Protein backbone atom coordinates (compact mmCIF):
# COMPACT_ATOMS: atom_id res chain seq x y z
CA MET A 1 -13.46 0.39 -70.01
CA SER A 2 -11.09 1.95 -72.76
CA LEU A 3 -8.06 -0.07 -74.02
CA SER A 4 -5.66 2.40 -72.09
CA ALA A 5 -7.51 1.24 -68.87
CA PHE A 6 -6.47 -2.29 -69.19
CA LYS A 7 -3.19 -1.47 -69.95
CA THR A 8 -2.74 -0.36 -66.33
CA ILE A 9 -5.07 -2.15 -64.55
CA PHE A 10 -3.25 -5.37 -66.35
CA ILE A 11 0.31 -3.12 -65.37
CA ALA A 12 -0.50 -3.27 -61.87
CA VAL A 13 -1.41 -6.70 -61.70
CA ILE A 14 2.03 -7.40 -63.05
CA ALA A 15 3.65 -5.70 -60.67
CA SER A 16 1.47 -6.72 -57.53
CA SER A 17 2.45 -10.13 -58.26
CA LEU A 18 6.01 -9.31 -58.91
CA LEU A 19 6.23 -8.01 -55.41
CA ALA A 20 4.07 -10.88 -53.63
CA LEU A 21 7.13 -13.17 -55.99
CA VAL A 22 9.54 -10.95 -54.60
CA GLY A 23 8.37 -10.93 -50.95
CA CYS A 24 8.23 -14.54 -50.84
CA SER A 25 11.51 -16.44 -48.80
CA THR A 26 12.85 -19.64 -50.07
CA PRO A 27 13.63 -22.52 -48.26
CA ALA A 28 16.97 -22.31 -48.02
CA GLU A 29 16.08 -18.43 -46.73
CA LYS A 30 13.99 -20.12 -44.05
CA ALA A 31 16.37 -23.07 -42.48
CA HIS A 32 19.06 -20.67 -42.52
CA ASN A 33 16.88 -17.89 -40.16
CA SER A 34 15.51 -21.38 -38.07
CA GLN A 35 19.80 -21.86 -37.65
CA THR A 36 20.54 -18.42 -37.06
CA GLU A 37 17.53 -18.24 -34.31
CA LEU A 38 18.64 -21.53 -32.42
CA ASN A 39 21.95 -20.49 -32.88
CA GLU A 40 21.62 -17.25 -30.81
CA ARG A 41 18.90 -19.42 -28.32
CA LYS A 42 22.12 -21.85 -27.83
CA MET A 43 24.39 -18.42 -26.85
CA GLU A 44 21.98 -17.29 -24.69
CA ILE A 45 21.91 -20.33 -22.73
CA VAL A 46 25.64 -20.80 -22.57
CA ASP A 47 26.18 -16.66 -21.16
CA ARG A 48 23.41 -17.69 -18.59
CA TYR A 49 25.05 -20.69 -17.90
CA GLU A 50 28.80 -18.64 -17.45
CA ALA A 51 26.82 -16.54 -15.25
CA CYS A 52 25.58 -19.19 -13.48
CA ILE A 53 28.59 -20.53 -12.90
CA GLU A 54 30.36 -17.48 -11.79
CA LYS A 55 27.57 -16.87 -9.05
CA SER A 56 27.67 -20.53 -7.78
CA THR A 57 29.72 -20.97 -4.46
CA SER A 58 28.81 -24.44 -3.99
CA ASP A 59 28.52 -27.87 -5.72
CA GLU A 60 25.18 -28.16 -5.83
CA GLU A 61 24.76 -24.81 -7.62
CA GLN A 62 27.23 -25.80 -10.07
CA ALA A 63 25.37 -28.83 -10.56
CA LYS A 64 22.14 -26.52 -11.50
CA CYS A 65 24.15 -24.73 -13.81
CA GLU A 66 25.14 -28.04 -15.71
CA ALA A 67 21.45 -29.26 -15.60
CA MET A 68 20.76 -26.22 -17.34
CA LEU A 69 23.08 -26.49 -19.82
CA LYS A 70 22.76 -30.43 -20.47
CA GLY A 71 19.20 -29.39 -20.79
CA ALA A 72 20.02 -27.30 -23.59
CA GLU A 73 22.02 -29.50 -25.43
CA GLY A 74 19.15 -31.19 -27.06
CA LEU A 75 18.37 -27.86 -29.19
């Protein structure tokens, strides 16, 4: 192999290493993404709770809605 071939391979290895490092997420990014997903799940539960309360016609149905919301508090 010639010197130019080694240079080309070296540049390719360095470039691919840099791309791999750039693609990795930090622990802070992972925590932020997890918190974002958790908040989205909570908002979905709140939306379902509100819809449940609007549709409920009895105390029993409202109690089921409340139970659904209480179950989500553990998230």
